[in-house]
Amino acid sequence: MSASFALGRLSNRQPEFRTQQILVLDHSRVRFGPIRPRATLPPEILGEIFICCVEKNAFYPIDPNPEEPPLLFTRVCRWWKEVALSTPALWNSLSLDFDLMLKNEASVVMYQNWLSRAQSTLLSLSLVDIDEREVPPGPVASLLRTMVGMSHRWQSINLDLGQDVVKFLFPIKGTFPVLERLALSVHRSDIPTFICDAPKLRKLYVNTYAPQIQVPWCQLTSLRVGDIDLLWCLHILRDSSNLLKATVEMRCDPVALPNVIVEHSYLQNLAFGVSLLGPLEDKNTPMPILGCLKTPALKSLTLEFLDRSEDNHTGPIAPFLSFLSRPSIRLHTLGLSCMPVLMDDLLQCLQAVPSLVQLRLRPILNVVNLDPLFSRLTGQSDFLPQLELFHLVLSLRHTREERELPPITMTPSVVVQMLCWRWASSKVPLRSFRLAQPYKVPVGQAIKLDPEFQRLAAEGMMLYIGERDRSDIFL
């Protein structure tokens, strides 16, 4: 324990207080003297304890903070500092802020020391360049070269870069023998030819797809790619035959649908959305691509559309129904955000997935009466009989012209009746219900005040009615 934490003598207090303090101090020396950390814990054990105390996430490498581990360990006492600085596994995760390097040269020294302490361990790194400024000569350039020189130890790398840093770093020559995860966020025009010789690469995340990116697609088990057109998407899905999970944000370019079926034997989790970076001409994106896929192992499907309520657009549901009718598909989870269909077609789509256990739904703004949905979920044992989780997200009720739309019709008693029936009467009880709103609305408050709603909560049903948060994002 540091001397700064020791209790001083109470010399200016009454004698009885001084006597009591002496007894406490003597008692603590007897109890804790024999078990001082330095006397009982070998540095290897203490180092392992430190490692367990550091939260590491490949998606979010450590952002150095003196108030958090591992830097915090170096500020407790000299013994802890010695052990922390000599434990390489504490320093193999680092988020480098390029803009901070340009403003504060001391940060460059800190990053250099951090990386040197990692010694030969595998690295999880993130390099972020928000302001997209030029790479100056000197310490910053030297640090970037040091990081590139460690590419043979990259296990996870996240690069969110502007044009000048990209040109400075790429192409990175050599192989990446231990690289398992690559996240690349750069403008399409800034991407040089990027061929990744990485025999262990399994996860790839690219915010803006470019044909110059060439990786061992057949190795991937997880893929997230944005701003890609339908033809390139099919090309990548065809080459990535071992995917288990794929999330794709597609461009809305009007493209002729190719006469091809891409089969994925292992794909279990599939999500399609719309990229806002390109033209928004095809109003049915991403629906058409479903006609080109065969995914017998699929368990989770998410489709996110642009809400076209201002022009009253609705699309066909035939591609969706045809996709679900393929042999062996038994969806466990379905997410539909702003699917361009009215209530009758929406109910028909849900009727086609009786195996569904989890449903996440965000209706388009034109769907103003939700009572038919809750009524259909009540008393009909053949409609979503396996449903255990129902997550409903409501949209903000205005158009681009800020013209108010009719308020949503959602009768509190109809909602509560559905919850009661699903909890008690159906063979598989509904265990979780979430109603997420962009702001507090009276109907939500009325549902929460219903005595039956409160009874369900007391009996263990997971219930939430409130404002939206990050968990209400579909992609």
Protein backbone atom coordinates (compact mmCIF):
# COMPACT_ATOMS: atom_id res chain seq x y z
CA MET A 1 0.00 0.00 0.00
CA SER A 2 1.34 3.45 -0.87
CA ALA A 3 2.51 5.60 2.00
CA SER A 4 0.15 8.34 0.86
CA PHE A 5 -2.75 6.18 2.00
CA ALA A 6 -1.38 5.71 5.55
CA LEU A 7 -3.31 7.20 8.47
CA GLY A 8 -1.57 10.02 10.26
CA ARG A 9 -1.37 10.23 14.06
CA LEU A 10 -4.26 12.03 15.70
CA SER A 11 -1.99 14.11 17.92
CA ASN A 12 -4.47 16.96 18.28
CA ARG A 13 -7.40 14.76 19.33
CA GLN A 14 -8.68 13.54 22.67
CA PRO A 15 -6.61 10.76 24.33
CA GLU A 16 -9.32 8.14 23.85
CA PHE A 17 -9.31 8.72 20.07
CA ARG A 18 -5.51 8.43 19.91
CA THR A 19 -5.67 5.17 21.85
CA GLN A 20 -8.29 3.73 19.52
CA GLN A 21 -6.25 4.68 16.44
CA ILE A 22 -3.12 3.04 17.82
CA LEU A 23 -5.08 -0.17 18.38
CA VAL A 24 -6.42 -0.08 14.80
CA LEU A 25 -2.98 0.50 13.29
CA ASP A 26 -1.37 -2.25 15.36
CA HIS A 27 -4.20 -4.66 14.49
CA SER A 28 -3.85 -3.94 10.76
CA ARG A 29 -0.10 -4.59 10.83
CA VAL A 30 -0.70 -7.98 12.42
CA ARG A 31 -3.42 -8.93 9.93
CA PHE A 32 -2.04 -7.61 6.65
CA GLY A 33 1.70 -7.54 7.17
CA PRO A 34 2.26 -11.24 6.26
CA ILE A 35 0.20 -11.05 3.04
CA ARG A 36 1.68 -8.11 1.22
CA PRO A 37 1.37 -8.68 -2.56
CA ARG A 38 5.10 -8.43 -3.16
CA ALA A 39 5.81 -11.09 -0.56
CA THR A 40 3.23 -13.62 -1.73
CA LEU A 41 2.48 -13.13 -5.46
CA PRO A 42 5.14 -13.97 -8.04
CA PRO A 43 5.25 -11.41 -10.88
CA GLU A 44 3.92 -14.01 -13.32
CA ILE A 45 0.78 -14.52 -11.20
CA LEU A 46 0.23 -10.80 -10.69
CA GLY A 47 0.72 -10.25 -14.43
CA GLU A 48 -1.96 -12.84 -15.22
CA ILE A 49 -4.32 -11.09 -12.81
CA PHE A 50 -3.64 -7.81 -14.60
CA ILE A 51 -4.41 -9.44 -17.96
CA CYS A 52 -7.75 -10.70 -16.65
CA CYS A 53 -8.62 -7.17 -15.50
CA VAL A 54 -8.15 -5.64 -18.95
CA GLU A 55 -11.19 -5.68 -21.21
CA LYS A 56 -10.05 -6.51 -24.73
CA ASN A 57 -12.18 -6.45 -27.83
CA ALA A 58 -10.86 -6.95 -31.35
CA PHE A 59 -13.46 -4.48 -32.63
CA TYR A 60 -12.35 -1.80 -30.18
CA PRO A 61 -8.64 -1.95 -29.30
CA ILE A 62 -7.55 -0.14 -26.15
CA ASP A 63 -7.60 3.65 -26.27
CA PRO A 64 -4.83 4.73 -23.85
CA ASN A 65 -6.28 6.32 -20.73
CA PRO A 66 -4.29 6.91 -17.51
CA GLU A 67 -7.44 6.24 -15.48
CA GLU A 68 -7.98 2.76 -16.95
CA PRO A 69 -5.90 -0.42 -17.27
CA PRO A 70 -3.21 -1.08 -18.25
CA LEU A 71 -1.85 2.45 -17.65
CA LEU A 72 -3.69 2.56 -14.34
CA PHE A 73 -1.60 -0.36 -13.05
CA THR A 74 1.56 1.69 -13.51
CA ARG A 75 0.28 4.40 -11.16
CA VAL A 76 -0.57 2.31 -8.09
CA CYS A 77 2.91 1.52 -6.77
CA ARG A 78 6.40 0.77 -8.01
CA TRP A 79 5.90 -3.00 -7.76
CA TRP A 80 2.74 -2.96 -9.85
CA LYS A 81 4.41 -0.68 -12.37
CA GLU A 82 7.36 -3.04 -12.77
CA VAL A 83 5.08 -6.05 -13.29
CA ALA A 84 2.74 -4.22 -15.67
CA LEU A 85 5.53 -2.89 -17.88
CA SER A 86 7.11 -6.34 -18.10
CA THR A 87 3.87 -8.15 -19.09
CA PRO A 88 3.71 -8.01 -22.93
CA ALA A 89 0.12 -9.25 -23.19
CA LEU A 90 -1.09 -6.04 -21.52
CA TRP A 91 0.21 -3.96 -24.43
CA ASN A 92 -0.80 -5.91 -27.54
CA SER A 93 -4.02 -3.95 -28.08
CA LEU A 94 -3.83 -0.30 -29.12
CA SER A 95 -5.97 2.33 -30.83
CA LEU A 96 -3.82 5.00 -32.49
CA ASP A 97 -5.32 8.44 -33.13
CA PHE A 98 -3.55 9.93 -36.16
CA ASP A 99 -4.96 13.41 -35.52
CA LEU A 100 -3.68 13.33 -31.93
CA MET A 101 -0.20 12.45 -33.19
CA LEU A 102 -0.14 15.59 -35.32
CA LYS A 103 -1.20 17.79 -32.41
CA ASN A 104 0.89 16.24 -29.64
CA GLU A 105 4.29 14.70 -30.30
CA ALA A 106 4.26 13.17 -26.81
CA SER A 107 1.49 10.84 -27.98
CA VAL A 108 3.84 9.49 -30.67
CA VAL A 109 6.38 8.58 -27.98
CA MET A 110 3.65 6.97 -25.89
CA TYR A 111 2.47 4.85 -28.86
CA GLN A 112 6.06 3.81 -29.64
CA ASN A 113 6.66 2.74 -26.05
CA TRP A 114 3.33 0.92 -25.93
CA LEU A 115 4.13 -1.13 -29.03
CA SER A 116 7.66 -1.91 -27.83
CA ARG A 117 6.29 -3.33 -24.57
CA ALA A 118 4.15 -5.79 -26.56
CA GLN A 119 7.41 -7.48 -27.63
CA SER A 120 6.56 -10.47 -29.87
CA THR A 121 2.86 -10.90 -28.95
CA LEU A 122 0.08 -10.87 -31.55
CA LEU A 123 -1.38 -7.40 -32.09
CA SER A 124 -4.89 -5.93 -32.25
CA LEU A 125 -4.52 -2.42 -33.68
CA SER A 126 -6.71 0.43 -34.83
CA LEU A 127 -5.51 3.48 -36.77
CA VAL A 128 -8.08 6.26 -37.15
CA ASP A 129 -7.62 9.37 -39.30
CA ILE A 130 -10.70 11.59 -39.01
CA ASP A 131 -9.37 14.89 -40.37
CA GLU A 132 -7.60 13.25 -43.36
CA ARG A 133 -4.42 15.32 -43.16
CA GLU A 134 -1.04 14.69 -44.77
CA VAL A 135 1.60 12.50 -43.16
CA PRO A 136 4.42 14.77 -41.98
CA PRO A 137 8.03 13.56 -42.02
CA GLY A 138 9.64 12.76 -38.70
CA PRO A 139 8.27 10.90 -35.67
CA VAL A 140 4.75 10.35 -37.05
CA ALA A 141 6.00 8.79 -40.28
CA SER A 142 8.47 6.70 -38.28
CA LEU A 143 5.68 5.38 -36.05
CA LEU A 144 3.53 4.42 -39.06
CA ARG A 145 6.49 2.56 -40.58
CA THR A 146 7.01 0.78 -37.26
CA MET A 147 3.37 -0.31 -37.26
CA VAL A 148 3.60 -1.55 -40.85
CA GLY A 149 6.81 -3.39 -39.97
CA MET A 150 4.80 -5.37 -37.43
CA SER A 151 2.25 -6.56 -40.01
CA HIS A 152 3.46 -10.14 -39.58
CA ARG A 153 2.08 -9.92 -36.01
CA TRP A 154 -1.26 -8.32 -36.86
CA GLN A 155 -4.08 -10.49 -35.55
CA SER A 156 -6.76 -7.83 -35.90
CA ILE A 157 -6.40 -4.51 -37.71
CA ASN A 158 -8.85 -1.64 -38.14
CA LEU A 159 -7.88 1.07 -40.64
CA ASP A 160 -10.12 4.15 -40.89
CA LEU A 161 -8.03 6.39 -43.08
CA GLY A 162 -7.92 9.37 -45.39
CA GLN A 163 -6.24 9.49 -48.77
CA ASP A 164 -2.75 10.57 -47.70
CA VAL A 165 -2.35 8.00 -44.95
CA VAL A 166 -3.62 5.28 -47.28
CA LYS A 167 -1.06 6.21 -49.91
CA PHE A 168 1.64 6.28 -47.25
CA LEU A 169 0.80 2.83 -45.91
CA PHE A 170 -0.28 0.88 -48.99
CA PRO A 171 0.43 -1.35 -50.63
CA ILE A 172 1.82 -3.18 -47.61
CA LYS A 173 4.25 -5.73 -48.96
CA GLY A 174 4.56 -9.14 -47.42
CA THR A 175 2.22 -11.64 -45.86
CA PHE A 176 -0.07 -11.53 -42.85
CA PRO A 177 0.43 -15.00 -41.34
CA VAL A 178 -1.70 -14.47 -38.19
CA LEU A 179 -4.26 -11.92 -39.42
CA GLU A 180 -7.78 -13.08 -38.50
CA ARG A 181 -9.80 -9.86 -38.74
CA LEU A 182 -9.50 -6.92 -41.14
CA ALA A 183 -11.67 -3.77 -41.05
CA LEU A 184 -11.08 -1.22 -43.80
CA SER A 185 -12.81 2.18 -43.95
CA VAL A 186 -11.56 4.36 -46.79
CA HIS A 187 -13.04 6.18 -49.76
CA ARG A 188 -13.37 4.04 -52.87
CA SER A 189 -11.08 6.35 -54.89
CA ASP A 190 -8.41 6.14 -52.19
CA ILE A 191 -8.00 2.37 -52.17
CA PRO A 192 -4.89 1.11 -53.94
CA THR A 193 -4.60 -2.49 -55.02
CA PHE A 194 -4.94 -4.46 -51.81
CA ILE A 195 -4.13 -8.14 -52.04
CA CYS A 196 -4.15 -9.80 -48.67
CA ASP A 197 -2.08 -12.96 -48.32
CA ALA A 198 -3.57 -14.02 -45.00
CA PRO A 199 -4.06 -17.76 -44.48
CA LYS A 200 -5.95 -17.22 -41.19
CA LEU A 201 -8.23 -14.37 -42.27
CA ARG A 202 -11.82 -15.14 -41.24
CA LYS A 203 -13.54 -11.77 -40.70
CA LEU A 204 -13.62 -8.89 -43.20
CA TYR A 205 -15.37 -5.53 -42.81
CA VAL A 206 -15.25 -3.01 -45.67
CA ASN A 207 -17.36 0.15 -45.49
CA THR A 208 -16.99 0.97 -49.21
CA TYR A 209 -16.35 -1.89 -51.58
CA ALA A 210 -13.86 -1.53 -54.42
CA PRO A 211 -12.77 -4.23 -56.90
CA GLN A 212 -9.14 -3.52 -55.96
CA ILE A 213 -9.70 -5.30 -52.67
CA GLN A 214 -8.69 -8.91 -53.19
CA VAL A 215 -8.61 -11.26 -50.24
CA PRO A 216 -8.90 -15.04 -49.85
CA TRP A 217 -12.71 -14.92 -50.02
CA CYS A 218 -13.19 -18.66 -49.63
CA GLN A 219 -11.66 -18.54 -46.12
CA LEU A 220 -14.07 -15.96 -44.74
CA THR A 221 -16.69 -16.92 -42.18
CA SER A 222 -17.92 -13.37 -41.44
CA LEU A 223 -18.31 -10.53 -43.94
CA ARG A 224 -19.65 -6.99 -43.74
CA VAL A 225 -19.43 -4.85 -46.87
CA GLY A 226 -21.02 -1.53 -47.79
CA ASP A 227 -21.79 0.51 -50.90
CA ILE A 228 -21.74 -2.43 -53.30
CA ASP A 229 -23.96 -3.08 -56.30
CA LEU A 230 -25.97 -6.24 -56.83
CA LEU A 231 -23.65 -7.84 -59.40
CA TRP A 232 -20.49 -7.39 -57.33
CA CYS A 233 -22.38 -8.61 -54.27
CA LEU A 234 -23.32 -11.84 -56.03
CA HIS A 235 -19.74 -12.20 -57.24
CA ILE A 236 -18.38 -11.94 -53.70
CA LEU A 237 -21.03 -14.21 -52.20
CA ARG A 238 -20.23 -16.81 -54.84
CA ASP A 239 -16.51 -16.70 -53.97
CA SER A 240 -17.12 -16.66 -50.19
CA SER A 241 -18.48 -20.17 -50.02
CA ASN A 242 -17.72 -20.76 -46.32
CA LEU A 243 -19.53 -17.76 -44.88
CA LEU A 244 -21.54 -18.21 -41.70
CA LYS A 245 -22.56 -14.55 -41.39
CA ALA A 246 -22.91 -11.79 -44.01
CA THR A 247 -24.11 -8.19 -43.78
CA VAL A 248 -24.36 -6.20 -47.02
CA GLU A 249 -25.41 -2.60 -47.67
CA MET A 250 -26.29 -2.42 -51.35
CA ARG A 251 -26.43 0.44 -53.81
CA CYS A 252 -29.84 1.24 -55.27
CA ASP A 253 -28.65 1.18 -58.87
CA PRO A 254 -31.24 -0.26 -61.27
CA VAL A 255 -29.52 -3.43 -62.49
CA ALA A 256 -30.87 -6.26 -64.62
CA LEU A 257 -31.24 -9.33 -62.45
CA PRO A 258 -28.79 -12.03 -63.59
CA ASN A 259 -30.04 -15.53 -64.29
CA VAL A 260 -27.89 -17.15 -61.62
CA ILE A 261 -28.38 -18.92 -58.30
CA VAL A 262 -25.65 -18.61 -55.68
CA GLU A 263 -25.82 -21.46 -53.19
CA HIS A 264 -24.44 -21.19 -49.67
CA SER A 265 -24.44 -24.41 -47.72
CA TYR A 266 -23.23 -22.92 -44.41
CA LEU A 267 -24.65 -19.39 -44.29
CA GLN A 268 -26.74 -18.96 -41.13
CA ASN A 269 -27.03 -15.21 -40.62
CA LEU A 270 -27.81 -12.90 -43.55
CA ALA A 271 -28.61 -9.17 -43.51
CA PHE A 272 -29.22 -6.85 -46.45
CA GLY A 273 -29.60 -3.08 -46.27
CA VAL A 274 -29.39 -0.01 -48.47
CA SER A 275 -26.29 2.13 -48.98
CA LEU A 276 -26.96 5.86 -48.78
CA LEU A 277 -23.71 6.76 -50.55
CA GLY A 278 -24.89 6.11 -54.10
CA PRO A 279 -28.03 6.81 -56.16
CA LEU A 280 -31.36 5.82 -54.66
CA GLU A 281 -33.18 4.82 -57.84
CA ASP A 282 -34.22 1.21 -57.24
CA LYS A 283 -36.99 1.48 -54.68
CA ASN A 284 -37.14 -2.28 -54.00
CA THR A 285 -33.51 -2.78 -52.99
CA PRO A 286 -32.51 -5.17 -51.46
CA MET A 287 -35.48 -7.42 -52.33
CA PRO A 288 -34.33 -8.55 -55.85
CA ILE A 289 -31.18 -10.31 -54.64
CA LEU A 290 -33.24 -12.87 -52.72
CA GLY A 291 -34.19 -14.47 -56.03
CA CYS A 292 -30.52 -15.26 -56.69
CA LEU A 293 -29.75 -17.03 -53.42
CA LYS A 294 -30.15 -20.53 -52.07
CA THR A 295 -29.32 -20.79 -48.37
CA PRO A 296 -30.56 -24.06 -46.85
CA ALA A 297 -28.84 -23.48 -43.47
CA LEU A 298 -30.16 -19.94 -42.98
CA LYS A 299 -31.47 -19.21 -39.47
CA SER A 300 -31.51 -15.40 -39.33
CA LEU A 301 -32.58 -12.93 -42.04
CA THR A 302 -32.66 -9.13 -41.82
CA LEU A 303 -33.91 -6.83 -44.58
CA GLU A 304 -33.66 -3.06 -44.21
CA PHE A 305 -35.27 -0.83 -46.84
CA LEU A 306 -35.47 2.92 -47.37
CA ASP A 307 -38.80 4.27 -46.19
CA ARG A 308 -40.51 5.54 -49.36
CA SER A 309 -43.70 6.63 -47.64
CA GLU A 310 -43.55 10.14 -49.09
CA ASP A 311 -44.24 8.78 -52.59
CA ASN A 312 -46.61 6.01 -51.44
CA HIS A 313 -44.35 3.33 -52.90
CA THR A 314 -45.07 -0.31 -52.15
CA GLY A 315 -43.25 -3.26 -53.64
CA PRO A 316 -44.00 -6.87 -54.54
CA ILE A 317 -43.70 -9.57 -51.90
CA ALA A 318 -43.29 -12.45 -54.37
CA PRO A 319 -39.45 -12.51 -54.14
CA PHE A 320 -39.66 -12.73 -50.35
CA LEU A 321 -42.28 -15.50 -50.36
CA SER A 322 -40.40 -17.41 -53.06
CA PHE A 323 -37.18 -17.21 -51.05
CA LEU A 324 -38.86 -18.55 -47.92
CA SER A 325 -40.47 -21.39 -49.86
CA ARG A 326 -37.11 -22.89 -50.79
CA PRO A 327 -36.61 -26.36 -49.26
CA SER A 328 -35.12 -26.71 -45.77
CA ILE A 329 -35.31 -23.01 -44.80
CA ARG A 330 -36.50 -22.72 -41.20
CA LEU A 331 -35.92 -19.18 -40.01
CA HIS A 332 -35.34 -18.62 -36.31
CA THR A 333 -34.96 -14.82 -36.47
CA LEU A 334 -36.44 -12.28 -38.88
CA GLY A 335 -35.87 -8.52 -39.01
CA LEU A 336 -37.87 -6.32 -41.38
CA SER A 337 -37.22 -2.59 -41.38
CA CYS A 338 -39.41 -0.37 -43.58
CA MET A 339 -40.34 -3.22 -45.91
CA PRO A 340 -42.45 -1.45 -48.61
CA VAL A 341 -45.68 -3.35 -47.98
CA LEU A 342 -48.99 -2.51 -46.37
CA MET A 343 -50.47 -4.45 -43.48
CA ASP A 344 -52.22 -7.23 -45.44
CA ASP A 345 -49.05 -8.11 -47.35
CA LEU A 346 -46.97 -7.86 -44.18
CA LEU A 347 -49.22 -10.37 -42.43
CA GLN A 348 -48.95 -12.68 -45.44
CA CYS A 349 -45.15 -12.52 -45.23
CA LEU A 350 -45.18 -13.35 -41.53
CA GLN A 351 -47.61 -16.21 -42.10
CA ALA A 352 -44.96 -17.78 -44.36
CA VAL A 353 -42.46 -18.22 -41.49
CA PRO A 354 -44.16 -20.43 -38.85
CA SER A 355 -40.77 -21.47 -37.45
CA LEU A 356 -40.00 -17.91 -36.33
CA VAL A 357 -38.82 -17.51 -32.71
CA GLN A 358 -37.65 -13.88 -32.80
CA LEU A 359 -39.28 -11.06 -34.79
CA ARG A 360 -37.89 -7.53 -35.11
CA LEU A 361 -40.21 -5.24 -37.06
CA ARG A 362 -40.22 -1.60 -38.11
CA PRO A 363 -43.26 -0.81 -40.30
CA ILE A 364 -43.18 1.88 -42.99
CA LEU A 365 -44.79 5.20 -42.13
CA ASN A 366 -47.79 4.44 -44.36
CA VAL A 367 -48.79 1.63 -42.00
CA VAL A 368 -50.72 3.69 -39.48
CA ASN A 369 -52.99 1.02 -37.97
CA LEU A 370 -51.11 -1.67 -36.06
CA ASP A 371 -54.15 -3.22 -34.41
CA PRO A 372 -54.56 -5.88 -37.15
CA LEU A 373 -51.05 -7.14 -36.38
CA PHE A 374 -51.74 -7.49 -32.65
CA SER A 375 -55.15 -9.03 -33.32
CA ARG A 376 -53.59 -11.61 -35.64
CA LEU A 377 -51.12 -12.51 -32.92
CA THR A 378 -54.00 -13.15 -30.52
CA GLY A 379 -56.02 -16.35 -30.46
CA GLN A 380 -54.61 -17.85 -33.67
CA SER A 381 -52.33 -20.74 -32.84
CA ASP A 382 -51.20 -21.18 -36.46
CA PHE A 383 -49.79 -17.64 -36.76
CA LEU A 384 -46.16 -17.53 -35.56
CA PRO A 385 -46.74 -20.38 -33.09
CA GLN A 386 -43.08 -20.47 -31.95
CA LEU A 387 -42.69 -16.74 -31.32
CA GLU A 388 -40.82 -15.93 -28.08
CA LEU A 389 -39.46 -12.43 -28.78
CA PHE A 390 -41.31 -9.57 -30.47
CA HIS A 391 -39.40 -6.32 -30.98
CA LEU A 392 -41.40 -3.46 -32.56
CA VAL A 393 -39.74 -0.19 -33.58
CA LEU A 394 -41.82 2.87 -34.49
CA SER A 395 -40.63 5.57 -36.90
CA LEU A 396 -40.78 9.34 -36.56
CA ARG A 397 -44.10 10.48 -37.98
CA HIS A 398 -43.15 13.08 -40.57
CA THR A 399 -42.17 13.31 -44.22
CA ARG A 400 -39.32 15.15 -45.89
CA GLU A 401 -41.49 18.27 -46.01
CA GLU A 402 -42.07 17.98 -42.24
CA ARG A 403 -45.76 17.42 -42.99
CA GLU A 404 -47.38 15.55 -40.13
CA LEU A 405 -48.71 12.06 -40.87
CA PRO A 406 -51.76 10.52 -39.23
CA PRO A 407 -50.95 9.19 -35.76
CA ILE A 408 -50.41 5.48 -35.34
CA THR A 409 -53.44 3.49 -34.26
CA MET A 410 -52.41 1.08 -31.53
CA THR A 411 -55.14 0.37 -29.01
CA PRO A 412 -53.63 -0.34 -25.57
CA SER A 413 -56.20 -2.99 -24.70
CA VAL A 414 -55.50 -4.84 -27.97
CA VAL A 415 -51.76 -4.86 -27.25
CA VAL A 416 -52.22 -6.06 -23.67
CA GLN A 417 -54.70 -8.73 -24.75
CA MET A 418 -52.12 -10.08 -27.20
CA LEU A 419 -49.45 -10.17 -24.50
CA CYS A 420 -51.73 -11.99 -22.06
CA TRP A 421 -52.79 -14.57 -24.63
CA ARG A 422 -49.24 -15.20 -25.82
CA TRP A 423 -48.03 -15.53 -22.22
CA ALA A 424 -50.69 -17.94 -20.99
CA SER A 425 -52.63 -19.53 -23.85
CA SER A 426 -50.15 -20.37 -26.56
CA LYS A 427 -48.02 -23.54 -26.43
CA VAL A 428 -44.83 -21.48 -26.62
CA PRO A 429 -45.11 -18.35 -24.45
CA LEU A 430 -43.96 -14.95 -25.65
CA ARG A 431 -41.11 -14.19 -23.25
CA SER A 432 -40.04 -10.74 -24.42
CA PHE A 433 -41.86 -7.73 -25.88
CA ARG A 434 -40.16 -4.45 -26.75
CA LEU A 435 -41.90 -1.36 -28.11
CA ALA A 436 -39.33 1.28 -29.06
CA GLN A 437 -40.52 4.79 -29.91
CA PRO A 438 -38.64 7.86 -31.21
CA TYR A 439 -40.21 9.80 -28.34
CA LYS A 440 -42.74 9.21 -25.59
CA VAL A 441 -46.26 8.74 -26.95
CA PRO A 442 -49.48 8.51 -24.92
CA VAL A 443 -50.38 5.04 -26.15
CA GLY A 444 -47.12 3.65 -24.78
CA GLN A 445 -47.77 5.18 -21.38
CA ALA A 446 -51.32 3.79 -21.38
CA ILE A 447 -50.04 0.28 -22.05
CA LYS A 448 -47.52 0.51 -19.21
CA LEU A 449 -50.22 1.59 -16.76
CA ASP A 450 -52.51 -1.32 -17.57
CA PRO A 451 -52.77 -3.66 -14.53
CA GLU A 452 -52.47 -6.76 -16.73
CA PHE A 453 -49.28 -5.40 -18.28
CA GLN A 454 -47.85 -4.87 -14.81
CA ARG A 455 -48.91 -8.38 -13.80
CA LEU A 456 -47.05 -9.89 -16.76
CA ALA A 457 -43.92 -7.96 -15.78
CA ALA A 458 -44.21 -9.23 -12.20
CA GLU A 459 -44.58 -12.82 -13.44
CA GLY A 460 -41.33 -12.62 -15.40
CA MET A 461 -42.20 -11.49 -18.91
CA MET A 462 -39.47 -9.18 -20.23
CA LEU A 463 -41.24 -5.95 -21.18
CA TYR A 464 -39.94 -2.62 -22.44
CA ILE A 465 -41.86 0.38 -23.70
CA GLY A 466 -39.74 3.46 -24.14
CA GLU A 467 -37.49 5.49 -26.37
CA ARG A 468 -35.28 3.92 -29.00
CA ASP A 469 -31.60 3.20 -28.42
CA ARG A 470 -28.73 1.42 -30.18
CA SER A 471 -30.38 -1.97 -29.75
CA ASP A 472 -33.12 -0.83 -32.13
CA ILE A 473 -30.73 -0.53 -35.09
CA PHE A 474 -31.29 -3.32 -37.60
CA LEU A 475 -27.90 -3.42 -39.35
